[in-house]
Amino acid sequence: MPDNPTLDELQREEYELRQELGRIERALTSADPDDLDELLSRRIAVQARLDAVLALMQAAAPPTKGVITRSARKSETGVDIRVGMDYVPTSVYHLVDPAESALVIATVDKKSAAARSAPATVSITSYIEGYSARKVDVVTREMVKSTEVRQSPTLLPDRVKTITELTPATLHVEVHDFTSGTKIDHITRTVWLLARNSVTTAVRDPDTGAVTDLSRYLGAYVTPNAPAVMHFLRKVADYHPQHKLAGYQPGAPVEDQVRAVFDALKNETKVVYVNSLVDFNPQEGSQSQRIRLPREALDERQANCVDGTVLVASLLEAISLTPAIVLVPKHAFVGWQVDKDEKSAWNYLETTLIDSGDFQQAVDYAGRLAATYEKQATTTGNPAWFRRLSLRDLRTTDRIWPME
């Protein structure tokens, strides 16, 4: 590669690196244990180079900003409106704090900056036609500073259930003179609703280009109280040496309980690994993939790496263990703490081996993955190499609850 590669050269290298990553990923799924460390080292080296190439590409051709909807009547209304999401992650949208990422951001000018004709008090209403309720805020202009209003109108659950593919919808934002009730502005904008079974781990603000990490919302897919999960625990208990699932209790080895989960999934559901990662989200800077809820994975008897991770995590949380969703580049697996102490050690399980390996192989494989990627995260200072999302932290600190 030349010292100053062109954008075309970078794009060709990106393609080749992604092809190489695909070959390594396929080799990893059936690797001999003696070859695993070498393959992981190659995978890290190729991923690091790909990250560098992507950074060079971004510098050579920055992402194109979306077309921003702003009112042509701002000079009259004293209200500036912009859209914060082009693509709406319907599966976790209701969990995202508008302070972090909002669908609509309105700025109400202070009195001294607003036109004399601009009303002193305005109401701002936003809604997605046919898919959401109306969100209304009433703002009185302040003397010394402008006021920012961030809105994410509530989606209607019965309508969201119908969204199985990328779907266009119309966003409306209305501004009224609160005193007279007169509508003084009304803008519309097409937004895209991502499928309800599309999990979004990052979204990009179309105006600023800033990317917001949403990976912690994967915790919403861990559903320990879902009827299908609770029902399956009866089968799990049959695979425990003492036929009981006691969580962190004296005389109840944790590994025996995790092994029972693995064996029950292997023998009762015969769940098989499928590489169903493709999702359609064309927004630059956004990352998403299709995901099955635990009840869907149990019913369909198939799972990709994320499906399997949230399924096993659901079963572990249901028996009062502390699981974690572990994210490494292009992959996910599950972890669990060996005892109830928050500072206790973690063990790991590779869920894609449920159909093709035994419990010890799945534990050994995941343990080596974790050690390799955690070391890389420490060495580079880049946490994206290894993220361990403890369900205890997601529930207590981030307040992310099961979606069903």
Protein backbone atom coordinates (compact mmCIF):
# COMPACT_ATOMS: atom_id res chain seq x y z
CA MET A 1 0.00 0.00 0.00
CA PRO A 2 1.48 3.44 -0.95
CA ASP A 3 2.32 6.00 1.73
CA ASN A 4 -0.59 8.18 0.59
CA PRO A 5 -3.17 5.75 -0.82
CA THR A 6 -6.08 7.02 -2.86
CA LEU A 7 -9.67 6.41 -1.81
CA ASP A 8 -9.98 3.74 -4.51
CA GLU A 9 -6.91 1.94 -3.16
CA LEU A 10 -8.28 2.08 0.36
CA GLN A 11 -11.62 0.69 -0.78
CA ARG A 12 -9.89 -2.22 -2.51
CA GLU A 13 -7.86 -2.97 0.61
CA GLU A 14 -11.01 -2.76 2.73
CA TYR A 15 -12.67 -5.35 0.49
CA GLU A 16 -9.68 -7.69 0.69
CA LEU A 17 -9.44 -7.35 4.47
CA ARG A 18 -13.13 -8.13 4.91
CA GLN A 19 -12.69 -11.20 2.72
CA GLU A 20 -9.76 -12.31 4.85
CA LEU A 21 -11.78 -11.79 8.03
CA GLY A 22 -14.52 -13.97 6.58
CA ARG A 23 -12.02 -16.76 5.87
CA ILE A 24 -10.63 -16.54 9.41
CA GLU A 25 -14.11 -16.57 10.95
CA ARG A 26 -14.99 -19.71 9.00
CA ALA A 27 -11.75 -21.34 10.09
CA LEU A 28 -12.40 -20.44 13.73
CA THR A 29 -15.70 -22.31 13.77
CA SER A 30 -13.94 -25.62 13.15
CA ALA A 31 -10.43 -24.88 14.37
CA ASP A 32 -8.28 -27.46 16.06
CA PRO A 33 -7.53 -26.26 19.63
CA ASP A 34 -3.82 -26.16 18.78
CA ASP A 35 -4.49 -23.71 15.94
CA LEU A 36 -6.83 -21.40 17.83
CA ASP A 37 -4.27 -18.95 19.21
CA GLU A 38 -2.65 -18.45 15.81
CA LEU A 39 -6.02 -17.83 14.16
CA LEU A 40 -7.01 -15.35 16.85
CA SER A 41 -3.73 -13.49 16.43
CA ARG A 42 -4.32 -13.28 12.69
CA ARG A 43 -7.87 -12.15 13.27
CA ILE A 44 -6.73 -9.34 15.59
CA ALA A 45 -4.04 -8.20 13.15
CA VAL A 46 -6.46 -8.11 10.21
CA GLN A 47 -9.13 -6.32 12.26
CA ALA A 48 -6.61 -3.73 13.44
CA ARG A 49 -5.56 -3.05 9.86
CA LEU A 50 -9.18 -2.82 8.76
CA ASP A 51 -9.88 -0.27 11.51
CA ALA A 52 -6.92 1.79 10.31
CA VAL A 53 -8.10 1.62 6.69
CA LEU A 54 -11.62 2.68 7.66
CA ALA A 55 -10.19 5.65 9.56
CA LEU A 56 -8.17 6.67 6.49
CA MET A 57 -11.25 6.32 4.30
CA GLN A 58 -13.27 8.50 6.64
CA ALA A 59 -10.56 11.16 6.55
CA ALA A 60 -10.38 10.99 2.76
CA ALA A 61 -14.14 11.15 2.29
CA PRO A 62 -16.06 12.13 5.46
CA PRO A 63 -19.54 10.58 5.74
CA THR A 64 -22.18 12.57 3.97
CA LYS A 65 -24.52 14.22 6.42
CA GLY A 66 -28.19 13.54 6.03
CA VAL A 67 -30.54 16.15 4.65
CA ILE A 68 -31.51 18.10 7.73
CA THR A 69 -35.06 19.30 8.15
CA ARG A 70 -35.12 22.82 9.48
CA SER A 71 -38.02 25.20 9.45
CA ALA A 72 -37.92 27.89 6.78
CA ARG A 73 -39.89 30.06 9.21
CA LYS A 74 -37.37 30.08 12.07
CA SER A 75 -36.91 33.84 11.71
CA GLU A 76 -40.64 34.27 12.44
CA THR A 77 -41.20 31.56 15.05
CA GLY A 78 -37.89 31.74 16.90
CA VAL A 79 -37.83 27.93 16.98
CA ASP A 80 -35.14 25.87 15.23
CA ILE A 81 -36.06 22.23 14.58
CA ARG A 82 -33.85 19.36 13.50
CA VAL A 83 -34.17 15.59 13.30
CA GLY A 84 -31.78 13.55 15.44
CA MET A 85 -32.37 10.12 13.84
CA ASP A 86 -32.83 9.17 10.21
CA TYR A 87 -33.28 5.51 11.18
CA VAL A 88 -35.38 4.65 14.23
CA PRO A 89 -34.37 1.48 16.16
CA THR A 90 -37.90 0.38 17.03
CA SER A 91 -36.80 -2.53 19.23
CA VAL A 92 -35.00 -0.36 21.82
CA TYR A 93 -36.20 3.14 20.93
CA HIS A 94 -38.48 3.26 23.99
CA LEU A 95 -35.50 2.57 26.26
CA VAL A 96 -33.17 5.24 24.88
CA ASP A 97 -33.00 8.39 26.98
CA PRO A 98 -33.81 11.41 24.76
CA ALA A 99 -31.02 13.26 26.54
CA GLU A 100 -28.66 10.78 24.89
CA SER A 101 -30.29 10.43 21.49
CA ALA A 102 -33.61 12.08 20.56
CA LEU A 103 -35.74 11.90 17.43
CA VAL A 104 -36.51 15.63 17.43
CA ILE A 105 -34.36 18.44 18.81
CA ALA A 106 -35.95 21.91 18.97
CA THR A 107 -34.18 25.06 20.11
CA VAL A 108 -36.39 27.92 21.29
CA ASP A 109 -34.59 31.26 20.98
CA LYS A 110 -34.27 33.51 23.99
CA LYS A 111 -36.40 36.65 23.99
CA SER A 112 -33.64 38.98 22.81
CA ALA A 113 -32.82 36.76 19.81
CA ALA A 114 -36.39 36.08 18.70
CA ALA A 115 -38.31 38.28 16.31
CA ARG A 116 -40.79 40.69 17.87
CA SER A 117 -43.62 38.76 16.22
CA ALA A 118 -42.51 35.43 17.75
CA PRO A 119 -44.88 34.29 20.53
CA ALA A 120 -43.58 34.36 24.09
CA THR A 121 -44.84 30.84 24.79
CA VAL A 122 -44.91 28.04 22.23
CA SER A 123 -46.00 24.41 22.21
CA ILE A 124 -43.96 21.90 20.22
CA THR A 125 -45.64 18.67 19.10
CA SER A 126 -44.00 15.73 17.32
CA TYR A 127 -45.36 12.39 16.14
CA ILE A 128 -44.71 9.65 13.59
CA GLU A 129 -47.84 9.36 11.49
CA GLY A 130 -49.60 6.06 12.17
CA TYR A 131 -46.87 4.74 14.46
CA SER A 132 -46.64 6.92 17.56
CA ALA A 133 -48.50 8.99 20.10
CA ARG A 134 -48.00 12.76 20.20
CA LYS A 135 -45.26 14.27 22.32
CA VAL A 136 -46.01 17.85 23.45
CA ASP A 137 -43.80 20.36 25.27
CA VAL A 138 -44.76 23.92 26.22
CA VAL A 139 -41.89 26.42 26.45
CA THR A 140 -41.82 30.04 27.59
CA ARG A 141 -38.85 31.96 26.22
CA GLU A 142 -36.17 32.85 28.73
CA MET A 143 -34.43 36.19 28.88
CA VAL A 144 -30.79 35.12 28.94
CA LYS A 145 -30.54 31.80 27.10
CA SER A 146 -32.22 29.61 24.52
CA THR A 147 -34.08 26.46 25.55
CA GLU A 148 -33.48 23.02 24.03
CA VAL A 149 -36.37 20.57 23.80
CA ARG A 150 -35.63 16.91 23.02
CA GLN A 151 -38.53 14.69 21.99
CA SER A 152 -38.93 10.99 21.23
CA PRO A 153 -42.68 10.40 20.82
CA THR A 154 -43.84 7.05 22.20
CA LEU A 155 -44.27 4.32 19.60
CA LEU A 156 -47.55 2.39 19.60
CA PRO A 157 -46.77 -1.27 20.50
CA ASP A 158 -49.46 -2.77 18.26
CA ARG A 159 -48.10 -0.87 15.26
CA VAL A 160 -44.46 -1.65 15.99
CA LYS A 161 -45.27 -5.38 15.94
CA THR A 162 -46.15 -5.05 12.25
CA ILE A 163 -42.72 -3.69 11.30
CA THR A 164 -40.76 -6.65 9.96
CA GLU A 165 -38.70 -4.82 7.33
CA LEU A 166 -37.21 -1.36 6.89
CA THR A 167 -40.29 0.87 6.68
CA PRO A 168 -40.66 4.54 5.68
CA ALA A 169 -42.85 6.78 7.83
CA THR A 170 -43.65 10.47 8.07
CA LEU A 171 -42.45 12.49 11.05
CA HIS A 172 -44.48 15.60 11.84
CA VAL A 173 -43.32 18.51 13.99
CA GLU A 174 -45.78 21.32 14.75
CA VAL A 175 -45.22 24.63 16.53
CA HIS A 176 -48.19 26.52 18.01
CA ASP A 177 -48.61 29.87 19.69
CA PHE A 178 -49.64 28.51 23.07
CA THR A 179 -51.70 31.56 24.02
CA SER A 180 -53.84 31.78 20.88
CA GLY A 181 -53.60 28.14 19.79
CA THR A 182 -52.58 29.24 16.28
CA LYS A 183 -50.35 26.85 14.35
CA ILE A 184 -47.29 28.86 13.31
CA ASP A 185 -45.18 26.12 11.78
CA HIS A 186 -45.53 22.51 10.59
CA ILE A 187 -42.72 20.51 9.02
CA THR A 188 -42.64 16.90 7.84
CA ARG A 189 -39.77 14.54 7.21
CA THR A 190 -39.43 10.94 6.06
CA VAL A 191 -37.78 8.72 8.65
CA TRP A 192 -37.07 5.00 8.40
CA LEU A 193 -38.29 2.51 10.98
CA LEU A 194 -35.95 -0.44 11.47
CA ALA A 195 -37.54 -3.88 11.83
CA ARG A 196 -38.67 -4.74 15.35
CA ASN A 197 -36.30 -7.73 15.39
CA SER A 198 -33.35 -5.57 14.36
CA VAL A 199 -31.03 -4.83 17.26
CA THR A 200 -29.13 -1.58 16.82
CA THR A 201 -25.81 -1.22 18.63
CA ALA A 202 -25.05 2.30 17.37
CA VAL A 203 -26.89 5.22 15.77
CA ARG A 204 -25.56 8.32 14.02
CA ASP A 205 -26.92 11.83 14.36
CA PRO A 206 -27.53 12.86 10.72
CA ASP A 207 -26.66 16.48 11.50
CA THR A 208 -23.54 16.25 13.64
CA GLY A 209 -22.30 12.83 12.52
CA ALA A 210 -21.84 11.82 16.18
CA VAL A 211 -22.28 8.09 16.82
CA THR A 212 -24.06 6.95 19.99
CA ASP A 213 -23.24 3.49 21.38
CA LEU A 214 -26.44 1.56 22.12
CA SER A 215 -24.88 -1.88 22.71
CA ARG A 216 -25.94 -1.94 26.37
CA TYR A 217 -29.57 -2.13 25.24
CA LEU A 218 -28.91 -5.74 24.24
CA GLY A 219 -29.76 -6.34 27.89
CA ALA A 220 -33.42 -5.76 27.03
CA TYR A 221 -33.35 -8.97 24.98
CA VAL A 222 -32.39 -11.00 28.05
CA THR A 223 -35.86 -12.05 29.23
CA PRO A 224 -35.62 -14.32 32.29
CA ASN A 225 -39.30 -14.03 33.16
CA ALA A 226 -40.70 -14.88 29.73
CA PRO A 227 -43.05 -17.89 30.02
CA ALA A 228 -41.08 -19.90 27.44
CA VAL A 229 -37.86 -19.37 29.41
CA MET A 230 -39.44 -20.28 32.74
CA HIS A 231 -41.04 -23.39 31.19
CA PHE A 232 -37.71 -24.52 29.73
CA LEU A 233 -36.07 -24.35 33.16
CA ARG A 234 -38.01 -27.48 34.08
CA LYS A 235 -36.09 -29.34 31.39
CA VAL A 236 -32.83 -27.75 32.52
CA ALA A 237 -33.37 -29.10 36.05
CA ASP A 238 -33.57 -32.63 34.64
CA TYR A 239 -29.94 -32.30 33.48
CA HIS A 240 -28.63 -31.14 36.85
CA PRO A 241 -26.99 -33.87 39.00
CA GLN A 242 -29.32 -33.02 41.90
CA HIS A 243 -32.22 -31.90 39.72
CA LYS A 244 -32.30 -28.43 41.25
CA LEU A 245 -31.29 -24.92 40.19
CA ALA A 246 -30.35 -22.97 43.31
CA GLY A 247 -28.27 -20.08 41.97
CA TYR A 248 -25.48 -18.90 44.26
CA GLN A 249 -26.12 -21.16 47.24
CA PRO A 250 -23.73 -23.22 49.39
CA GLY A 251 -23.46 -26.74 48.08
CA ALA A 252 -24.79 -25.74 44.65
CA PRO A 253 -21.82 -25.56 42.25
CA VAL A 254 -22.49 -22.86 39.67
CA GLU A 255 -20.78 -24.69 36.82
CA ASP A 256 -23.13 -27.68 37.22
CA GLN A 257 -26.08 -25.33 36.67
CA VAL A 258 -24.53 -23.74 33.58
CA ARG A 259 -23.69 -27.19 32.23
CA ALA A 260 -27.32 -28.21 32.75
CA VAL A 261 -28.44 -25.23 30.65
CA PHE A 262 -26.00 -26.20 27.89
CA ASP A 263 -27.00 -29.88 27.91
CA ALA A 264 -30.73 -29.12 27.94
CA LEU A 265 -30.41 -26.80 24.95
CA LYS A 266 -28.29 -29.37 23.13
CA ASN A 267 -30.50 -32.38 23.77
CA GLU A 268 -34.01 -31.02 24.23
CA THR A 269 -34.26 -28.21 21.69
CA LYS A 270 -31.39 -29.44 19.50
CA VAL A 271 -30.78 -25.75 18.79
CA VAL A 272 -28.50 -25.28 15.79
CA TYR A 273 -26.18 -22.41 14.91
CA VAL A 274 -27.14 -20.29 11.91
CA ASN A 275 -25.18 -17.34 10.60
CA SER A 276 -28.18 -15.01 10.15
CA LEU A 277 -26.46 -11.70 10.76
CA VAL A 278 -27.59 -9.65 7.79
CA ASP A 279 -29.86 -6.69 8.40
CA PHE A 280 -30.69 -3.73 6.21
CA ASN A 281 -29.70 -0.46 7.83
CA PRO A 282 -28.06 1.75 5.22
CA GLN A 283 -27.14 4.61 7.56
CA GLU A 284 -23.43 5.33 7.71
CA GLY A 285 -22.06 4.85 11.21
CA SER A 286 -24.95 2.67 12.32
CA GLN A 287 -24.58 -0.99 13.20
CA SER A 288 -27.41 -3.47 13.46
CA GLN A 289 -28.28 -7.10 12.97
CA ARG A 290 -31.33 -9.35 13.20
CA ILE A 291 -31.94 -10.96 16.57
CA ARG A 292 -34.34 -13.56 17.93
CA LEU A 293 -35.85 -13.18 21.35
CA PRO A 294 -35.18 -16.19 23.62
CA ARG A 295 -38.73 -17.52 23.14
CA GLU A 296 -38.25 -17.30 19.36
CA ALA A 297 -34.92 -19.14 19.48
CA LEU A 298 -36.49 -21.88 21.61
CA ASP A 299 -39.43 -22.17 19.25
CA GLU A 300 -37.43 -22.06 16.00
CA ARG A 301 -34.58 -24.17 17.41
CA GLN A 302 -31.92 -22.07 15.77
CA ALA A 303 -29.72 -19.18 16.84
CA ASN A 304 -26.87 -16.98 15.68
CA CYS A 305 -24.20 -15.92 18.16
CA VAL A 306 -26.24 -13.04 19.60
CA ASP A 307 -29.46 -15.10 19.74
CA GLY A 308 -27.65 -17.84 21.63
CA THR A 309 -25.99 -15.37 23.96
CA VAL A 310 -29.23 -13.67 25.07
CA LEU A 311 -30.97 -17.07 25.30
CA VAL A 312 -28.37 -18.58 27.63
CA ALA A 313 -28.11 -15.31 29.58
CA SER A 314 -31.90 -15.39 30.07
CA LEU A 315 -31.77 -18.91 31.47
CA LEU A 316 -28.84 -18.07 33.76
CA GLU A 317 -30.52 -14.93 35.06
CA ALA A 318 -33.73 -16.90 35.59
CA ILE A 319 -31.89 -19.19 38.02
CA SER A 320 -30.47 -16.14 39.84
CA LEU A 321 -26.96 -16.25 38.43
CA THR A 322 -25.22 -13.12 37.12
CA PRO A 323 -24.63 -13.48 33.37
CA ALA A 324 -22.97 -11.06 30.97
CA ILE A 325 -23.19 -10.36 27.27
CA VAL A 326 -19.65 -10.34 25.91
CA LEU A 327 -19.00 -8.44 22.69
CA VAL A 328 -15.84 -8.73 20.60
CA PRO A 329 -15.46 -7.64 16.96
CA LYS A 330 -18.20 -9.33 14.88
CA HIS A 331 -19.05 -11.84 17.60
CA ALA A 332 -20.83 -12.33 20.93
CA PHE A 333 -20.73 -14.98 23.64
CA VAL A 334 -21.99 -15.32 27.21
CA GLY A 335 -20.23 -15.03 30.55
CA TRP A 336 -21.19 -15.66 34.15
CA GLN A 337 -19.72 -14.80 37.54
CA VAL A 338 -18.53 -17.77 39.54
CA ASP A 339 -20.12 -16.48 42.77
CA LYS A 340 -22.41 -13.67 43.92
CA ASP A 341 -19.58 -11.30 44.93
CA GLU A 342 -19.53 -8.43 42.42
CA LYS A 343 -15.73 -8.72 42.21
CA SER A 344 -15.68 -12.45 41.58
CA ALA A 345 -14.11 -14.02 38.50
CA TRP A 346 -15.89 -14.61 35.22
CA ASN A 347 -16.22 -17.77 33.15
CA TYR A 348 -17.40 -17.89 29.55
CA LEU A 349 -19.39 -20.09 27.18
CA GLU A 350 -19.40 -20.20 23.36
CA THR A 351 -23.06 -20.69 22.46
CA THR A 352 -22.39 -21.46 18.79
CA LEU A 353 -20.92 -24.80 19.91
CA ILE A 354 -24.16 -26.01 21.50
CA ASP A 355 -25.01 -28.09 18.44
CA SER A 356 -21.51 -29.26 17.53
CA GLY A 357 -19.43 -29.49 20.71
CA ASP A 358 -19.61 -30.45 24.35
CA PHE A 359 -19.78 -28.18 27.38
CA GLN A 360 -16.08 -28.23 28.18
CA GLN A 361 -15.13 -27.43 24.59
CA ALA A 362 -17.53 -24.46 24.63
CA VAL A 363 -16.08 -23.19 27.92
CA ASP A 364 -12.45 -23.63 26.83
CA TYR A 365 -13.06 -21.95 23.47
CA ALA A 366 -14.85 -18.95 24.99
CA GLY A 367 -12.22 -18.62 27.70
CA ARG A 368 -9.47 -18.34 25.13
CA LEU A 369 -11.48 -15.84 23.12
CA ALA A 370 -12.04 -13.73 26.21
CA ALA A 371 -8.39 -13.81 27.28
CA THR A 372 -7.16 -12.88 23.80
CA TYR A 373 -9.57 -10.02 23.18
CA GLU A 374 -9.39 -8.65 26.73
CA LYS A 375 -5.61 -8.49 26.42
CA GLN A 376 -5.97 -6.68 23.09
CA ALA A 377 -8.36 -4.15 24.66
CA THR A 378 -5.86 -3.50 27.46
CA THR A 379 -2.89 -3.25 25.10
CA THR A 380 -4.55 -0.85 22.67
CA GLY A 381 -6.67 1.08 25.16
CA ASN A 382 -9.65 0.46 22.88
CA PRO A 383 -12.60 -1.09 24.78
CA ALA A 384 -14.30 -2.08 21.51
CA TRP A 385 -12.06 -5.15 21.43
CA PHE A 386 -13.71 -6.58 24.54
CA ARG A 387 -16.94 -5.43 26.18
CA ARG A 388 -18.44 -7.41 29.03
CA LEU A 389 -21.96 -6.16 29.76
CA SER A 390 -22.93 -7.50 33.18
CA LEU A 391 -26.68 -7.97 33.52
CA ARG A 392 -26.38 -6.86 37.15
CA ASP A 393 -24.98 -3.51 35.97
CA LEU A 394 -27.41 -3.19 33.08
CA ARG A 395 -30.36 -3.70 35.42
CA THR A 396 -29.19 -1.65 38.41
CA THR A 397 -27.08 1.14 36.90
CA ASP A 398 -28.43 1.56 33.37
CA ARG A 399 -32.00 0.58 34.34
CA ILE A 400 -32.41 -1.61 31.27
CA TRP A 401 -35.22 -4.06 31.88
CA PRO A 402 -36.40 -7.11 29.89
CA MET A 403 -38.60 -6.19 26.95
CA GLU A 404 -41.00 -9.02 27.81
